[in-house]
N, C-alpha and C. Protein backbone atom coordinates (compact mmCIF):
# COMPACT_ATOMS: atom_id res chain seq x y z
N MET A 1 60.70 114.61 110.96
CA MET A 1 61.20 115.58 110.08
C MET A 1 62.88 115.42 110.37
N ASN A 2 62.92 115.66 111.82
CA ASN A 2 64.52 115.69 112.13
C ASN A 2 65.18 114.36 111.79
N HIS A 3 64.46 113.15 111.87
CA HIS A 3 65.07 111.91 111.53
C HIS A 3 65.56 111.95 110.03
N LYS A 4 64.62 112.45 109.25
CA LYS A 4 64.82 112.58 107.59
C LYS A 4 66.12 113.33 107.37
N ARG A 5 66.22 114.51 107.97
CA ARG A 5 67.42 115.53 107.96
C ARG A 5 68.75 114.73 108.40
N PHE A 6 68.63 114.04 109.45
CA PHE A 6 69.81 113.21 110.01
C PHE A 6 70.24 112.13 109.00
N THR A 7 69.21 111.54 108.36
CA THR A 7 69.51 110.31 107.61
C THR A 7 70.17 110.97 106.43
N LEU A 8 69.50 112.09 105.82
CA LEU A 8 70.06 112.72 104.73
C LEU A 8 71.52 113.41 104.98
N ALA A 9 71.78 113.74 106.01
CA ALA A 9 73.08 114.23 106.36
C ALA A 9 74.07 113.18 106.58
N ALA A 10 73.72 112.08 107.19
CA ALA A 10 74.61 111.03 107.39
C ALA A 10 74.78 110.24 106.04
N LEU A 11 73.94 110.12 105.14
CA LEU A 11 74.28 109.55 103.72
C LEU A 11 75.14 110.57 102.92
N THR A 12 75.01 111.82 103.14
CA THR A 12 75.87 112.75 102.48
C THR A 12 77.24 112.79 102.93
N VAL A 13 77.56 112.47 104.23
CA VAL A 13 78.90 112.32 104.81
C VAL A 13 79.55 110.93 104.47
N ILE A 14 78.61 109.97 104.41
CA ILE A 14 79.30 108.75 104.04
C ILE A 14 79.59 108.75 102.53
N ALA A 15 78.70 109.27 101.82
CA ALA A 15 79.06 109.42 100.12
C ALA A 15 80.44 110.21 99.92
N GLY A 16 80.43 111.37 100.80
CA GLY A 16 81.51 112.22 100.71
C GLY A 16 83.00 111.53 101.11
N ALA A 17 82.74 110.78 102.24
CA ALA A 17 83.95 109.97 102.72
C ALA A 17 84.33 108.90 101.75
N ALA A 18 83.41 108.32 101.07
CA ALA A 18 83.65 107.22 100.17
C ALA A 18 84.37 107.88 98.87
N VAL A 19 84.01 108.98 98.46
CA VAL A 19 84.53 109.69 97.26
C VAL A 19 85.94 109.97 97.58
N LEU A 20 86.20 110.47 98.84
CA LEU A 20 87.57 111.08 99.12
C LEU A 20 88.56 109.66 99.34
N PHE A 21 87.84 108.73 99.91
CA PHE A 21 88.68 107.37 100.04
C PHE A 21 88.93 106.82 98.72
N LEU A 22 88.10 106.70 97.82
CA LEU A 22 88.36 106.15 96.49
C LEU A 22 89.33 107.28 95.73
N GLY A 23 89.29 108.45 95.84
CA GLY A 23 90.30 109.33 95.24
C GLY A 23 91.64 109.25 95.81
N ALA A 24 91.70 108.94 96.98
CA ALA A 24 93.03 108.71 97.64
C ALA A 24 93.51 107.33 97.22
N CYS A 25 92.77 106.39 97.20
CA CYS A 25 93.26 105.12 96.65
C CYS A 25 93.68 105.18 95.24
N ARG A 26 93.09 106.02 94.38
CA ARG A 26 93.35 105.99 93.03
C ARG A 26 94.87 106.66 92.88
N ALA A 27 95.17 107.40 93.61
CA ALA A 27 96.52 108.06 93.58
C ALA A 27 97.63 107.17 93.93
N HIS A 28 97.43 106.06 94.51
CA HIS A 28 98.35 105.12 94.81
C HIS A 28 98.32 103.75 94.23
N GLY A 29 99.38 103.03 94.04
CA GLY A 29 99.37 101.72 93.48
C GLY A 29 99.91 101.76 91.99
N PRO A 30 100.46 100.52 91.44
CA PRO A 30 100.97 100.46 90.08
C PRO A 30 99.81 100.66 89.11
N HIS A 31 98.42 100.33 89.32
CA HIS A 31 97.51 100.43 88.43
C HIS A 31 97.13 101.63 88.08
N HIS A 32 97.36 102.63 88.82
CA HIS A 32 96.97 104.03 88.48
C HIS A 32 97.86 105.01 87.93
N GLY A 33 97.59 106.10 87.53
CA GLY A 33 98.53 107.02 87.21
C GLY A 33 98.79 106.89 85.92
N THR A 34 99.81 107.68 85.36
CA THR A 34 100.25 107.60 83.92
C THR A 34 101.13 106.40 83.71
N PRO A 35 101.27 106.03 82.37
CA PRO A 35 101.99 104.86 81.96
C PRO A 35 103.39 104.94 82.52
N GLY A 36 104.09 106.33 82.60
CA GLY A 36 105.34 106.56 83.01
C GLY A 36 105.37 106.20 84.50
N LYS A 37 104.51 106.73 85.35
CA LYS A 37 104.42 106.32 86.87
C LYS A 37 104.24 104.79 86.97
N GLN A 38 103.40 104.17 86.17
CA GLN A 38 103.43 102.77 86.29
C GLN A 38 104.62 101.98 86.07
N ALA A 39 105.52 102.53 85.12
CA ALA A 39 106.64 102.04 84.71
C ALA A 39 107.89 102.18 85.77
N GLU A 40 107.86 103.32 86.41
CA GLU A 40 108.59 103.84 87.51
C GLU A 40 108.29 102.80 88.69
N PHE A 41 107.14 102.56 89.01
CA PHE A 41 106.71 101.64 90.03
C PHE A 41 107.34 100.18 89.72
N ILE A 42 106.87 99.73 88.45
CA ILE A 42 107.62 98.41 88.19
C ILE A 42 108.97 98.28 88.12
N ILE A 43 109.63 99.16 87.67
CA ILE A 43 111.14 99.08 87.64
C ILE A 43 111.69 99.17 89.03
N GLY A 44 111.13 100.02 89.95
CA GLY A 44 111.57 100.19 91.37
C GLY A 44 111.29 98.65 91.90
N ARG A 45 110.14 98.18 91.79
CA ARG A 45 109.88 96.92 92.46
C ARG A 45 110.81 95.89 92.02
N LEU A 46 111.07 95.75 90.56
CA LEU A 46 112.00 94.78 90.02
C LEU A 46 113.42 95.02 90.70
N LYS A 47 113.78 96.37 90.74
CA LYS A 47 115.10 96.67 91.38
C LYS A 47 115.31 96.14 92.56
N ASN A 48 114.24 96.33 93.41
CA ASN A 48 114.27 95.79 94.96
C ASN A 48 114.12 94.25 95.14
N GLU A 49 113.27 93.73 94.36
CA GLU A 49 112.83 92.23 94.41
C GLU A 49 113.91 91.59 94.02
N LEU A 50 114.59 91.99 92.83
CA LEU A 50 115.51 91.12 92.21
C LEU A 50 117.05 91.53 92.37
N ASP A 51 117.17 92.48 93.16
CA ASP A 51 118.43 93.10 93.63
C ASP A 51 119.26 93.36 92.10
N LEU A 52 118.57 94.14 91.42
CA LEU A 52 119.32 94.43 90.10
C LEU A 52 120.38 95.52 90.26
N SER A 53 121.26 95.35 89.36
CA SER A 53 122.40 96.07 89.40
C SER A 53 121.98 97.60 88.63
N GLN A 54 122.85 98.49 88.75
CA GLN A 54 122.60 99.74 88.05
C GLN A 54 122.43 99.63 86.60
N SER A 55 123.31 98.91 86.04
CA SER A 55 123.33 98.63 84.53
C SER A 55 121.91 97.96 84.10
N GLN A 56 121.38 97.04 85.10
CA GLN A 56 120.28 96.32 84.63
C GLN A 56 119.00 97.51 84.71
N VAL A 57 119.23 98.16 85.86
CA VAL A 57 117.88 99.23 85.86
C VAL A 57 118.10 100.18 84.75
N ASP A 58 119.25 100.50 84.29
CA ASP A 58 119.41 101.44 83.25
C ASP A 58 118.94 100.90 81.88
N LEU A 59 119.15 99.45 81.84
CA LEU A 59 118.63 98.69 80.60
C LEU A 59 117.06 98.76 80.57
N LEU A 60 116.44 98.55 81.83
CA LEU A 60 115.03 98.50 81.96
C LEU A 60 114.46 99.76 81.59
N LYS A 61 114.98 100.91 82.08
CA LYS A 61 114.63 102.18 81.72
C LYS A 61 114.70 102.50 80.17
N ASP A 62 115.68 102.04 79.47
CA ASP A 62 115.93 102.14 78.11
C ASP A 62 114.79 101.47 77.26
N ILE A 63 114.60 100.14 77.77
CA ILE A 63 113.48 99.32 77.24
C ILE A 63 112.13 99.93 77.44
N GLN A 64 111.90 100.59 78.68
CA GLN A 64 110.77 101.14 78.97
C GLN A 64 110.55 102.41 77.85
N LYS A 65 111.68 103.13 77.55
CA LYS A 65 111.61 104.35 76.74
C LYS A 65 111.26 103.87 75.24
N GLN A 66 111.83 102.78 74.86
CA GLN A 66 111.73 102.25 73.50
C GLN A 66 110.35 101.78 73.28
N ILE A 67 109.73 101.12 74.13
CA ILE A 67 108.43 100.61 74.19
C ILE A 67 107.40 101.89 74.15
N THR A 68 107.64 102.76 75.06
CA THR A 68 106.91 103.85 75.02
C THR A 68 106.79 104.67 73.75
N GLN A 69 108.04 104.74 73.13
CA GLN A 69 108.16 105.40 71.77
C GLN A 69 107.58 104.55 70.65
N LYS A 70 107.67 103.30 70.85
CA LYS A 70 106.81 102.34 69.75
C LYS A 70 105.51 102.67 69.78
N ILE A 71 104.87 102.62 71.05
CA ILE A 71 103.39 102.76 71.27
C ILE A 71 103.17 104.16 70.82
N ALA A 72 103.73 105.17 71.08
CA ALA A 72 103.43 106.49 70.58
C ALA A 72 103.47 106.54 69.01
N GLU A 73 104.42 105.78 68.41
CA GLU A 73 104.35 106.07 66.96
C GLU A 73 102.91 105.35 66.29
N ASN A 74 102.37 104.46 67.01
CA ASN A 74 101.14 103.99 66.52
C ASN A 74 99.90 104.73 66.99
N LYS A 75 99.93 105.72 67.83
CA LYS A 75 98.86 106.64 68.40
C LYS A 75 98.01 107.22 67.15
N PRO A 76 98.85 107.83 66.11
CA PRO A 76 97.97 108.42 65.11
C PRO A 76 97.06 107.32 64.51
N GLN A 77 97.31 106.28 64.23
CA GLN A 77 96.60 105.09 63.62
C GLN A 77 95.35 104.87 64.41
N TRP A 78 95.57 105.03 65.79
CA TRP A 78 94.34 104.57 66.67
C TRP A 78 93.23 105.81 66.33
N GLU A 79 93.71 107.00 66.24
CA GLU A 79 92.61 108.10 65.78
C GLU A 79 91.87 107.62 64.45
N GLN A 80 92.64 107.21 63.47
CA GLN A 80 92.15 106.80 62.22
C GLN A 80 91.16 105.58 62.36
N ASP A 81 91.65 104.52 63.32
CA ASP A 81 90.87 103.38 63.38
C ASP A 81 89.44 103.78 64.09
N PHE A 82 89.56 104.79 65.02
CA PHE A 82 88.38 105.15 65.60
C PHE A 82 87.34 105.86 64.72
N GLU A 83 87.83 106.60 63.93
CA GLU A 83 87.17 107.36 62.92
C GLU A 83 86.47 106.35 61.90
N PHE A 84 87.14 105.31 61.52
CA PHE A 84 86.68 104.20 60.60
C PHE A 84 85.62 103.47 61.34
N LEU A 85 85.85 103.01 62.63
CA LEU A 85 84.67 102.46 63.33
C LEU A 85 83.51 103.20 63.38
N LYS A 86 83.58 104.50 63.80
CA LYS A 86 82.45 105.39 63.81
C LYS A 86 81.73 105.47 62.57
N SER A 87 82.35 105.59 61.47
CA SER A 87 81.77 105.66 60.19
C SER A 87 80.99 104.37 59.88
N GLN A 88 81.63 103.18 60.33
CA GLN A 88 80.95 101.91 60.07
C GLN A 88 79.68 101.88 60.99
N ILE A 89 79.82 102.18 62.25
CA ILE A 89 78.55 102.20 63.10
C ILE A 89 77.47 102.93 62.57
N LEU A 90 77.84 104.07 62.09
CA LEU A 90 76.84 105.12 61.77
C LEU A 90 76.11 104.84 60.27
N SER A 91 76.83 103.86 59.61
CA SER A 91 76.35 103.68 58.26
C SER A 91 75.04 102.75 58.33
N ASP A 92 74.30 102.74 57.14
CA ASP A 92 73.16 102.06 57.20
C ASP A 92 73.46 100.48 57.18
N SER A 93 74.59 100.18 56.47
CA SER A 93 74.84 98.65 56.44
C SER A 93 76.39 98.63 56.76
N LEU A 94 76.76 97.75 57.63
CA LEU A 94 78.16 97.26 57.81
C LEU A 94 78.82 96.95 56.57
N ASP A 95 79.89 97.34 56.14
CA ASP A 95 80.86 96.72 55.09
C ASP A 95 81.80 95.54 55.82
N THR A 96 81.34 94.42 55.70
CA THR A 96 82.16 93.41 56.48
C THR A 96 83.36 93.19 55.78
N GLY A 97 83.52 93.27 54.45
CA GLY A 97 84.88 93.26 53.73
C GLY A 97 85.82 94.30 54.26
N ARG A 98 85.55 95.45 54.46
CA ARG A 98 86.27 96.55 54.92
C ARG A 98 86.61 96.34 56.39
N ILE A 99 85.71 95.81 57.09
CA ILE A 99 85.91 95.40 58.52
C ILE A 99 86.99 94.46 58.73
N GLU A 100 86.85 93.38 57.86
CA GLU A 100 87.90 92.30 57.84
C GLU A 100 89.33 92.89 57.59
N GLN A 101 89.31 93.70 56.45
CA GLN A 101 90.57 94.29 56.13
C GLN A 101 91.24 95.16 57.36
N TYR A 102 90.32 95.90 57.94
CA TYR A 102 90.81 96.64 59.05
C TYR A 102 91.34 95.73 60.19
N MET A 103 90.53 94.69 60.51
CA MET A 103 91.00 93.77 61.54
C MET A 103 92.40 93.02 61.23
N ASP A 104 92.39 92.80 59.98
CA ASP A 104 93.70 92.06 59.50
C ASP A 104 95.03 93.02 59.83
N SER A 105 94.55 94.41 59.28
CA SER A 105 95.80 95.37 59.44
C SER A 105 96.00 95.59 60.90
N ARG A 106 94.98 95.60 61.71
CA ARG A 106 95.20 95.75 63.19
C ARG A 106 96.24 94.66 63.75
N GLN A 107 95.67 93.40 63.39
CA GLN A 107 96.39 92.23 63.81
C GLN A 107 97.85 92.27 63.38
N THR A 108 98.11 92.72 62.14
CA THR A 108 99.57 92.80 61.63
C THR A 108 100.26 93.83 62.60
N GLY A 109 99.70 95.10 62.91
CA GLY A 109 100.20 95.85 63.72
C GLY A 109 100.68 95.52 65.14
N GLN A 110 99.54 94.85 65.61
CA GLN A 110 99.72 94.14 67.09
C GLN A 110 100.85 93.20 67.08
N GLN A 111 101.04 92.36 66.00
CA GLN A 111 102.08 91.43 65.66
C GLN A 111 103.46 92.01 65.72
N GLU A 112 103.55 93.10 65.10
CA GLU A 112 104.88 93.87 65.06
C GLU A 112 105.22 94.44 66.60
N VAL A 113 104.23 95.07 67.17
CA VAL A 113 104.51 95.59 68.54
C VAL A 113 104.86 94.42 69.44
N ARG A 114 104.24 93.29 69.35
CA ARG A 114 104.33 92.11 70.28
C ARG A 114 105.80 91.57 69.93
N ASP A 115 106.17 91.42 68.85
CA ASP A 115 107.63 90.95 68.47
C ASP A 115 108.73 91.91 68.92
N PHE A 116 108.42 93.24 68.84
CA PHE A 116 109.26 94.28 69.31
C PHE A 116 109.54 94.24 70.89
N ILE A 117 108.30 94.07 71.53
CA ILE A 117 108.41 93.87 72.95
C ILE A 117 109.19 92.53 73.43
N LEU A 118 108.94 91.45 72.67
CA LEU A 118 109.65 90.27 72.98
C LEU A 118 111.16 90.36 72.77
N ILE A 119 111.54 91.11 71.73
CA ILE A 119 113.06 91.37 71.61
C ILE A 119 113.49 92.19 72.68
N GLN A 120 112.77 93.06 73.32
CA GLN A 120 113.00 93.86 74.46
C GLN A 120 113.23 93.10 75.65
N LEU A 121 112.26 92.25 75.95
CA LEU A 121 112.34 91.33 77.04
C LEU A 121 113.43 90.28 77.03
N LYS A 122 113.84 89.88 75.90
CA LYS A 122 115.01 89.05 75.70
C LYS A 122 116.18 89.82 76.15
N ARG A 123 116.38 91.21 75.85
CA ARG A 123 117.44 91.80 76.18
C ARG A 123 117.77 91.69 77.59
N PHE A 124 116.63 92.11 78.46
CA PHE A 124 116.52 92.09 79.81
C PHE A 124 116.85 90.68 80.17
N HIS A 125 116.12 89.73 79.87
CA HIS A 125 116.31 88.30 80.35
C HIS A 125 117.80 87.79 80.22
N ASP A 126 118.43 88.36 79.28
CA ASP A 126 119.96 88.02 79.03
C ASP A 126 120.82 88.47 80.10
N THR A 127 120.28 89.34 80.80
CA THR A 127 121.32 90.05 81.91
C THR A 127 121.11 89.49 83.11
N LEU A 128 119.84 88.64 83.43
CA LEU A 128 119.62 88.01 84.67
C LEU A 128 120.44 86.88 85.07
N SER A 129 120.81 86.80 86.37
CA SER A 129 121.41 85.76 86.74
C SER A 129 120.44 84.59 87.32
N THR A 130 120.88 83.32 87.47
CA THR A 130 120.00 82.31 87.94
C THR A 130 119.30 82.66 89.24
N ALA A 131 119.84 83.26 90.05
CA ALA A 131 119.06 83.67 91.34
C ALA A 131 118.06 84.76 91.20
N GLN A 132 118.50 85.65 90.04
CA GLN A 132 117.36 86.90 89.79
C GLN A 132 116.25 86.09 89.04
N LYS A 133 116.51 85.12 88.15
CA LYS A 133 115.43 84.38 87.42
C LYS A 133 114.49 83.80 88.44
N GLN A 134 115.02 83.08 89.54
CA GLN A 134 114.32 82.51 90.48
C GLN A 134 113.50 83.47 91.32
N LYS A 135 114.01 84.58 91.66
CA LYS A 135 113.27 85.65 92.23
C LYS A 135 112.17 86.16 91.45
N LEU A 136 112.45 86.21 90.38
CA LEU A 136 111.30 86.73 89.32
C LEU A 136 110.25 85.78 89.24
N VAL A 137 110.44 84.28 89.09
CA VAL A 137 109.49 83.39 89.08
C VAL A 137 108.68 83.43 90.50
N ALA A 138 109.48 83.54 91.53
CA ALA A 138 108.69 83.84 92.81
C ALA A 138 107.78 85.20 92.80
N LEU A 139 108.17 86.12 92.37
CA LEU A 139 107.43 87.40 92.21
C LEU A 139 106.12 87.26 91.20
N LEU A 140 106.43 86.34 90.18
CA LEU A 140 105.20 86.01 89.25
C LEU A 140 104.23 85.22 89.92
N GLU A 141 104.69 84.22 90.80
CA GLU A 141 103.79 83.28 91.50
C GLU A 141 103.05 84.09 92.51
N GLU A 142 103.55 85.04 93.26
CA GLU A 142 102.81 86.08 94.01
C GLU A 142 101.82 86.93 93.34
N MET A 143 102.18 87.20 92.10
CA MET A 143 101.20 88.06 91.29
C MET A 143 100.19 87.09 90.59
N LYS A 144 100.45 86.11 90.31
CA LYS A 144 99.50 84.93 89.81
C LYS A 144 98.38 85.09 90.67
N GLY A 145 98.42 85.07 92.07
CA GLY A 145 97.28 84.98 93.03
C GLY A 145 96.40 86.16 92.95
N LEU A 146 97.14 87.29 92.52
CA LEU A 146 96.25 88.47 92.43
C LEU A 146 95.70 88.69 91.10
N TRP A 147 96.27 88.04 90.07
CA TRP A 147 95.69 88.37 88.63
C TRP A 147 94.56 87.22 88.42
N TYR A 148 94.89 85.86 88.81
CA TYR A 148 93.90 84.78 88.49
C TYR A 148 93.04 84.44 89.49
N ASN A 149 93.19 84.88 90.65
CA ASN A 149 92.26 84.61 91.76
C ASN A 149 91.21 85.65 92.10
N ARG A 150 91.18 86.72 91.31
CA ARG A 150 90.28 87.81 91.63
C ARG A 150 88.85 87.39 91.18
N ALA A 151 88.08 87.86 92.26
CA ALA A 151 86.61 87.51 91.97
C ALA A 151 86.04 88.53 91.12
N TRP A 152 85.64 88.39 89.81
CA TRP A 152 85.10 89.17 88.87
C TRP A 152 83.66 89.26 89.04
N PRO A 153 83.08 90.36 88.61
CA PRO A 153 81.57 90.49 88.63
C PRO A 153 80.87 89.41 87.97
N GLY A 154 79.92 88.80 88.80
CA GLY A 154 79.31 87.66 88.23
C GLY A 154 79.99 86.33 88.62
N LYS A 155 80.79 86.43 89.08
CA LYS A 155 81.81 85.11 89.52
C LYS A 155 81.51 84.95 90.86
N SER A 156 81.16 83.70 91.33
CA SER A 156 80.92 83.38 92.80
C SER A 156 82.14 82.81 93.29
């Protein structure tokens, strides 16, 4: 009986510690937090890694603000899209024609956002020196290992 209580208590402590650890991990790093916090982290990292000037940092902050604004402009459409998808899922028969129209309009919107972001990236790229571009490539090479060598579930 005491062995069962000890095991239950130990499992409870381990589970509690795991929850606390995961909660603490969630609060750190660029992949957690609000998009604004993520942008601050990325801008800070680029500032340090590329030795950016204050004008380059200000430009990045302006670009981040404009991209955030562009995304916010599209947010009401996401709600409409969600409602449309719900109605299609709940219907007796999918209307493939309407779904194709929906997908085409989404693709057009995504293309517009992509083009806008590319223009913003070019603005920043135009301010980089050759040395900063080389440092950026080195940083991308470092990140490549994190992005592409990750062991995904089901991957051995």
